[in-house]
Amino acid sequence: MAVAKSRKSRARRGMRRAHSALSAPALSVDAATGETHRRHHVSPDGYYKGRQVVVRKPVVEEESGEE
């Protein structure tokens, strides 16, 4: 089994981890709504490439009978 002969310094460890940073997700602006969304994903309003592909039903709140 491979075992390190000597300890790696903080500088060498930092060099190895230099490329491990997380990048920000690629964002795009929808042509129809002007909404910002992730690339190749449907926007929260249901638009993709300027067309509405998901239609949400309106939420109806029921009145409670408690008084």
PDB file of N, CA and C in Angstrom:
ATOM      1  N   MET A   1       0.839  -1.183   0.000  1.00  0.00           N
ATOM      2  CA  MET A   1       0.000   0.000   0.000  1.00  0.00           C
ATOM      3  C   MET A   1       0.884   1.248   0.000  1.00  0.00           C
ATOM      4  N   ALA A   2       0.507   2.249  -0.782  1.00  0.00           N
ATOM      5  CA  ALA A   2       1.313   3.466  -0.882  1.00  0.00           C
ATOM      6  C   ALA A   2       1.120   4.327   0.355  1.00  0.00           C
ATOM      7  N   VAL A   3       2.250   4.753   0.928  1.00  0.00           N
ATOM      8  CA  VAL A   3       2.227   5.610   2.104  1.00  0.00           C
ATOM      9  C   VAL A   3       3.136   6.803   1.821  1.00  0.00           C
ATOM     10  N   ALA A   4       2.669   8.001   2.135  1.00  0.00           N
ATOM     11  CA  ALA A   4       3.470   9.198   1.909  1.00  0.00           C
ATOM     12  C   ALA A   4       4.726   9.158   2.769  1.00  0.00           C
ATOM     13  N   LYS A   5       5.879   9.514   2.175  1.00  0.00           N
ATOM     14  CA  LYS A   5       7.146   9.488   2.903  1.00  0.00           C
ATOM     15  C   LYS A   5       7.251  10.678   3.861  1.00  0.00           C
ATOM     16  N   SER A   6       6.734  11.827   3.417  1.00  0.00           N
ATOM     17  CA  SER A   6       6.793  13.006   4.279  1.00  0.00           C
ATOM     18  C   SER A   6       5.497  13.803   4.132  1.00  0.00           C
ATOM     19  N   ARG A   7       5.304  14.653   5.140  1.00  0.00           N
ATOM     20  CA  ARG A   7       4.084  15.452   5.189  1.00  0.00           C
ATOM     21  C   ARG A   7       4.103  16.538   4.112  1.00  0.00           C
ATOM     22  N   LYS A   8       2.951  16.811   3.500  1.00  0.00           N
ATOM     23  CA  LYS A   8       2.827  17.891   2.518  1.00  0.00           C
ATOM     24  C   LYS A   8       2.672  19.217   3.259  1.00  0.00           C
ATOM     25  N   SER A   9       3.335  20.246   2.757  1.00  0.00           N
ATOM     26  CA  SER A   9       3.259  21.557   3.387  1.00  0.00           C
ATOM     27  C   SER A   9       1.923  22.231   3.067  1.00  0.00           C
ATOM     28  N   ARG A  10       1.633  23.311   3.806  1.00  0.00           N
ATOM     29  CA  ARG A  10       0.398  24.068   3.560  1.00  0.00           C
ATOM     30  C   ARG A  10       0.398  24.675   2.167  1.00  0.00           C
ATOM     31  N   ALA A  11       1.571  25.084   1.690  1.00  0.00           N
ATOM     32  CA  ALA A  11       1.659  25.682   0.352  1.00  0.00           C
ATOM     33  C   ALA A  11       1.328  24.647  -0.723  1.00  0.00           C
ATOM     34  N   ARG A  12       1.869  23.437  -0.603  1.00  0.00           N
ATOM     35  CA  ARG A  12       1.578  22.392  -1.586  1.00  0.00           C
ATOM     36  C   ARG A  12       0.107  21.991  -1.530  1.00  0.00           C
ATOM     37  N   ARG A  13      -0.437  21.930  -0.329  1.00  0.00           N
ATOM     38  CA  ARG A  13      -1.860  21.606  -0.186  1.00  0.00           C
ATOM     39  C   ARG A  13      -2.708  22.674  -0.865  1.00  0.00           C
ATOM     40  N   GLY A  14      -2.342  23.947  -0.685  1.00  0.00           N
ATOM     41  CA  GLY A  14      -3.075  25.043  -1.316  1.00  0.00           C
ATOM     42  C   GLY A  14      -2.987  25.001  -2.827  1.00  0.00           C
ATOM     43  N   MET A  15      -1.826  24.609  -3.350  1.00  0.00           N
ATOM     44  CA  MET A  15      -1.678  24.497  -4.806  1.00  0.00           C
ATOM     45  C   MET A  15      -2.589  23.404  -5.366  1.00  0.00           C
ATOM     46  N   ARG A  16      -2.697  22.323  -4.639  1.00  0.00           N
ATOM     47  CA  ARG A  16      -3.550  21.223  -5.093  1.00  0.00           C
ATOM     48  C   ARG A  16      -5.021  21.633  -5.087  1.00  0.00           C
ATOM     49  N   ARG A  17      -5.401  22.431  -4.099  1.00  0.00           N
ATOM     50  CA  ARG A  17      -6.804  22.829  -3.957  1.00  0.00           C
ATOM     51  C   ARG A  17      -7.153  24.093  -4.732  1.00  0.00           C
ATOM     52  N   ALA A  18      -6.220  24.638  -5.465  1.00  0.00           N
ATOM     53  CA  ALA A  18      -6.434  25.903  -6.160  1.00  0.00           C
ATOM     54  C   ALA A  18      -7.556  25.822  -7.183  1.00  0.00           C
ATOM     55  N   HIS A  19      -7.818  24.650  -7.741  1.00  0.00           N
ATOM     56  CA  HIS A  19      -8.827  24.501  -8.778  1.00  0.00           C
ATOM     57  C   HIS A  19     -10.127  23.907  -8.249  1.00  0.00           C
ATOM     58  N   SER A  20     -10.276  23.811  -6.941  1.00  0.00           N
ATOM     59  CA  SER A  20     -11.446  23.157  -6.354  1.00  0.00           C
ATOM     60  C   SER A  20     -12.587  24.113  -6.036  1.00  0.00           C
ATOM     61  N   ALA A  21     -12.421  25.398  -6.305  1.00  0.00           N
ATOM     62  CA  ALA A  21     -13.451  26.377  -5.957  1.00  0.00           C
ATOM     63  C   ALA A  21     -14.709  26.151  -6.784  1.00  0.00           C
ATOM     64  N   LEU A  22     -15.870  26.393  -6.173  1.00  0.00           N
ATOM     65  CA  LEU A  22     -17.141  26.264  -6.867  1.00  0.00           C
ATOM     66  C   LEU A  22     -17.376  27.490  -7.739  1.00  0.00           C
ATOM     67  N   SER A  23     -17.877  27.269  -8.930  1.00  0.00           N
ATOM     68  CA  SER A  23     -18.186  28.384  -9.818  1.00  0.00           C
ATOM     69  C   SER A  23     -19.671  28.716  -9.718  1.00  0.00           C
ATOM     70  N   ALA A  24     -20.014  29.933 -10.056  1.00  0.00           N
ATOM     71  CA  ALA A  24     -21.415  30.359 -10.027  1.00  0.00           C
ATOM     72  C   ALA A  24     -22.169  29.693 -11.177  1.00  0.00           C
ATOM     73  N   PRO A  25     -23.448  29.369 -10.989  1.00  0.00           N
ATOM     74  CA  PRO A  25     -24.209  28.753 -12.085  1.00  0.00           C
ATOM     75  C   PRO A  25     -24.394  29.731 -13.242  1.00  0.00           C
ATOM     76  N   ALA A  26     -24.418  29.199 -14.454  1.00  0.00           N
ATOM     77  CA  ALA A  26     -24.618  30.032 -15.642  1.00  0.00           C
ATOM     78  C   ALA A  26     -26.075  30.478 -15.683  1.00  0.00           C
ATOM     79  N   LEU A  27     -26.295  31.774 -15.783  1.00  0.00           N
ATOM     80  CA  LEU A  27     -27.652  32.323 -15.774  1.00  0.00           C
ATOM     81  C   LEU A  27     -27.985  32.892 -17.139  1.00  0.00           C
ATOM     82  N   SER A  28     -29.278  32.918 -17.445  1.00  0.00           N
ATOM     83  CA  SER A  28     -29.767  33.445 -18.706  1.00  0.00           C
ATOM     84  C   SER A  28     -31.010  34.261 -18.430  1.00  0.00           C
ATOM     85  N   VAL A  29     -31.344  35.157 -19.353  1.00  0.00           N
ATOM     86  CA  VAL A  29     -32.546  35.989 -19.225  1.00  0.00           C
ATOM     87  C   VAL A  29     -33.556  35.512 -20.259  1.00  0.00           C
ATOM     88  N   ASP A  30     -34.781  35.207 -19.805  1.00  0.00           N
ATOM     89  CA  ASP A  30     -35.821  34.728 -20.712  1.00  0.00           C
ATOM     90  C   ASP A  30     -36.273  35.856 -21.631  1.00  0.00           C
ATOM     91  N   ALA A  31     -36.453  35.556 -22.913  1.00  0.00           N
ATOM     92  CA  ALA A  31     -36.816  36.576 -23.895  1.00  0.00           C
ATOM     93  C   ALA A  31     -38.243  37.088 -23.691  1.00  0.00           C
ATOM     94  N   ALA A  32     -39.163  36.213 -23.291  1.00  0.00           N
ATOM     95  CA  ALA A  32     -40.567  36.603 -23.172  1.00  0.00           C
ATOM     96  C   ALA A  32     -40.845  37.374 -21.886  1.00  0.00           C
ATOM     97  N   THR A  33     -40.309  36.895 -20.756  1.00  0.00           N
ATOM     98  CA  THR A  33     -40.645  37.494 -19.471  1.00  0.00           C
ATOM     99  C   THR A  33     -39.553  38.386 -18.906  1.00  0.00           C
ATOM    100  N   GLY A  34     -38.323  38.250 -19.398  1.00  0.00           N
ATOM    101  CA  GLY A  34     -37.211  39.023 -18.856  1.00  0.00           C
ATOM    102  C   GLY A  34     -36.732  38.487 -17.525  1.00  0.00           C
ATOM    103  N   GLU A  35     -37.149  37.283 -17.186  1.00  0.00           N
ATOM    104  CA  GLU A  35     -36.802  36.681 -15.906  1.00  0.00           C
ATOM    105  C   GLU A  35     -35.453  35.963 -16.001  1.00  0.00           C
ATOM    106  N   THR A  36     -34.657  36.055 -14.949  1.00  0.00           N
ATOM    107  CA  THR A  36     -33.373  35.368 -14.900  1.00  0.00           C
ATOM    108  C   THR A  36     -33.588  33.942 -14.425  1.00  0.00           C
ATOM    109  N   HIS A  37     -32.976  32.986 -15.129  1.00  0.00           N
ATOM    110  CA  HIS A  37     -33.112  31.572 -14.755  1.00  0.00           C
ATOM    111  C   HIS A  37     -31.842  30.836 -15.124  1.00  0.00           C
ATOM    112  N   ARG A  38     -31.686  29.606 -14.632  1.00  0.00           N
ATOM    113  CA  ARG A  38     -30.528  28.790 -14.977  1.00  0.00           C
ATOM    114  C   ARG A  38     -30.621  28.353 -16.422  1.00  0.00           C
ATOM    115  N   ARG A  39     -29.469  28.249 -17.082  1.00  0.00           N
ATOM    116  CA  ARG A  39     -29.441  27.853 -18.488  1.00  0.00           C
ATOM    117  C   ARG A  39     -30.021  26.455 -18.642  1.00  0.00           C
ATOM    118  N   HIS A  40     -30.803  26.241 -19.697  1.00  0.00           N
ATOM    119  CA  HIS A  40     -31.396  24.948 -20.048  1.00  0.00           C
ATOM    120  C   HIS A  40     -32.356  24.429 -18.985  1.00  0.00           C
ATOM    121  N   HIS A  41     -32.928  25.323 -18.190  1.00  0.00           N
ATOM    122  CA  HIS A  41     -33.925  24.956 -17.196  1.00  0.00           C
ATOM    123  C   HIS A  41     -35.154  25.832 -17.390  1.00  0.00           C
ATOM    124  N   VAL A  42     -36.305  25.331 -16.994  1.00  0.00           N
ATOM    125  CA  VAL A  42     -37.546  26.090 -17.069  1.00  0.00           C
ATOM    126  C   VAL A  42     -37.529  27.146 -15.971  1.00  0.00           C
ATOM    127  N   SER A  43     -37.975  28.352 -16.297  1.00  0.00           N
ATOM    128  CA  SER A  43     -38.009  29.429 -15.313  1.00  0.00           C
ATOM    129  C   SER A  43     -39.133  29.156 -14.309  1.00  0.00           C
ATOM    130  N   PRO A  44     -39.102  29.810 -13.150  1.00  0.00           N
ATOM    131  CA  PRO A  44     -40.165  29.590 -12.155  1.00  0.00           C
ATOM    132  C   PRO A  44     -41.572  29.899 -12.670  1.00  0.00           C
ATOM    133  N   ASP A  45     -41.694  30.780 -13.672  1.00  0.00           N
ATOM    134  CA  ASP A  45     -43.010  31.076 -14.241  1.00  0.00           C
ATOM    135  C   ASP A  45     -43.454  30.036 -15.258  1.00  0.00           C
ATOM    136  N   GLY A  46     -42.579  29.081 -15.604  1.00  0.00           N
ATOM    137  CA  GLY A  46     -42.941  28.022 -16.533  1.00  0.00           C
ATOM    138  C   GLY A  46     -42.549  28.286 -17.967  1.00  0.00           C
ATOM    139  N   TYR A  47     -41.648  29.237 -18.217  1.00  0.00           N
ATOM    140  CA  TYR A  47     -41.231  29.573 -19.578  1.00  0.00           C
ATOM    141  C   TYR A  47     -39.898  28.904 -19.909  1.00  0.00           C
ATOM    142  N   TYR A  48     -39.764  28.469 -21.162  1.00  0.00           N
ATOM    143  CA  TYR A  48     -38.517  27.910 -21.674  1.00  0.00           C
ATOM    144  C   TYR A  48     -38.367  28.348 -23.118  1.00  0.00           C
ATOM    145  N   LYS A  49     -37.266  29.007 -23.428  1.00  0.00           N
ATOM    146  CA  LYS A  49     -36.987  29.537 -24.762  1.00  0.00           C
ATOM    147  C   LYS A  49     -38.108  30.441 -25.271  1.00  0.00           C
ATOM    148  N   GLY A  50     -38.653  31.263 -24.400  1.00  0.00           N
ATOM    149  CA  GLY A  50     -39.664  32.226 -24.801  1.00  0.00           C
ATOM    150  C   GLY A  50     -41.075  31.692 -24.904  1.00  0.00           C
ATOM    151  N   ARG A  51     -41.272  30.395 -24.675  1.00  0.00           N
ATOM    152  CA  ARG A  51     -42.618  29.801 -24.741  1.00  0.00           C
ATOM    153  C   ARG A  51     -43.001  29.261 -23.376  1.00  0.00           C
ATOM    154  N   GLN A  52     -44.287  29.344 -23.048  1.00  0.00           N
ATOM    155  CA  GLN A  52     -44.756  28.800 -21.779  1.00  0.00           C
ATOM    156  C   GLN A  52     -44.968  27.303 -21.948  1.00  0.00           C
ATOM    157  N   VAL A  53     -44.221  26.509 -21.185  1.00  0.00           N
ATOM    158  CA  VAL A  53     -44.294  25.057 -21.309  1.00  0.00           C
ATOM    159  C   VAL A  53     -44.966  24.410 -20.109  1.00  0.00           C
ATOM    160  N   VAL A  54     -45.065  25.134 -18.990  1.00  0.00           N
ATOM    161  CA  VAL A  54     -45.722  24.613 -17.798  1.00  0.00           C
ATOM    162  C   VAL A  54     -46.791  25.610 -17.386  1.00  0.00           C
ATOM    163  N   VAL A  55     -48.026  25.129 -17.276  1.00  0.00           N
ATOM    164  CA  VAL A  55     -49.132  25.988 -16.854  1.00  0.00           C
ATOM    165  C   VAL A  55     -49.529  25.555 -15.454  1.00  0.00           C
ATOM    166  N   ARG A  56     -49.452  26.493 -14.528  1.00  0.00           N
ATOM    167  CA  ARG A  56     -49.822  26.176 -13.149  1.00  0.00           C
ATOM    168  C   ARG A  56     -51.277  26.540 -12.915  1.00  0.00           C
ATOM    169  N   LYS A  57     -51.940  25.715 -12.119  1.00  0.00           N
ATOM    170  CA  LYS A  57     -53.313  26.012 -11.742  1.00  0.00           C
ATOM    171  C   LYS A  57     -53.299  27.076 -10.648  1.00  0.00           C
ATOM    172  N   PRO A  58     -54.249  28.003 -10.667  1.00  0.00           N
ATOM    173  CA  PRO A  58     -54.279  29.023  -9.610  1.00  0.00           C
ATOM    174  C   PRO A  58     -54.604  28.389  -8.262  1.00  0.00           C
ATOM    175  N   VAL A  59     -53.945  28.862  -7.222  1.00  0.00           N
ATOM    176  CA  VAL A  59     -54.146  28.333  -5.877  1.00  0.00           C
ATOM    177  C   VAL A  59     -55.376  29.005  -5.273  1.00  0.00           C
ATOM    178  N   VAL A  60     -56.340  28.194  -4.855  1.00  0.00           N
ATOM    179  CA  VAL A  60     -57.553  28.719  -4.219  1.00  0.00           C
ATOM    180  C   VAL A  60     -57.500  28.377  -2.745  1.00  0.00           C
ATOM    181  N   GLU A  61     -57.556  29.424  -1.925  1.00  0.00           N
ATOM    182  CA  GLU A  61     -57.514  29.201  -0.476  1.00  0.00           C
ATOM    183  C   GLU A  61     -58.937  29.032   0.015  1.00  0.00           C
ATOM    184  N   GLU A  62     -59.154  27.979   0.781  1.00  0.00           N
ATOM    185  CA  GLU A  62     -60.485  27.722   1.340  1.00  0.00           C
ATOM    186  C   GLU A  62     -60.621  28.452   2.663  1.00  0.00           C
ATOM    187  N   GLU A  63     -61.818  28.958   2.902  1.00  0.00           N
ATOM    188  CA  GLU A  63     -62.065  29.638   4.158  1.00  0.00           C
ATOM    189  C   GLU A  63     -62.329  28.602   5.236  1.00  0.00           C
ATOM    190  N   SER A  64     -61.737  28.821   6.398  1.00  0.00           N
ATOM    191  CA  SER A  64     -61.950  27.870   7.496  1.00  0.00           C
ATOM    192  C   SER A  64     -63.266  28.206   8.194  1.00  0.00           C
ATOM    193  N   GLY A  65     -63.936  27.177   8.715  1.00  0.00           N
ATOM    194  CA  GLY A  65     -65.221  27.350   9.370  1.00  0.00           C
ATOM    195  C   GLY A  65     -65.108  27.711  10.832  1.00  0.00           C
ATOM    196  N   GLU A  66     -63.890  27.931  11.322  1.00  0.00           N
ATOM    197  CA  GLU A  66     -63.704  28.255  12.736  1.00  0.00           C
ATOM    198  C   GLU A  66     -63.902  29.748  12.972  1.00  0.00           C
ATOM    199  N   GLU A  67     -64.601  30.079  14.037  1.00  0.00           N
ATOM    200  CA  GLU A  67     -64.786  31.497  14.408  1.00  0.00           C
ATOM    201  C   GLU A  67     -64.713  31.652  15.868  1.00  0.00           C
TER     202      GLU A  67
END
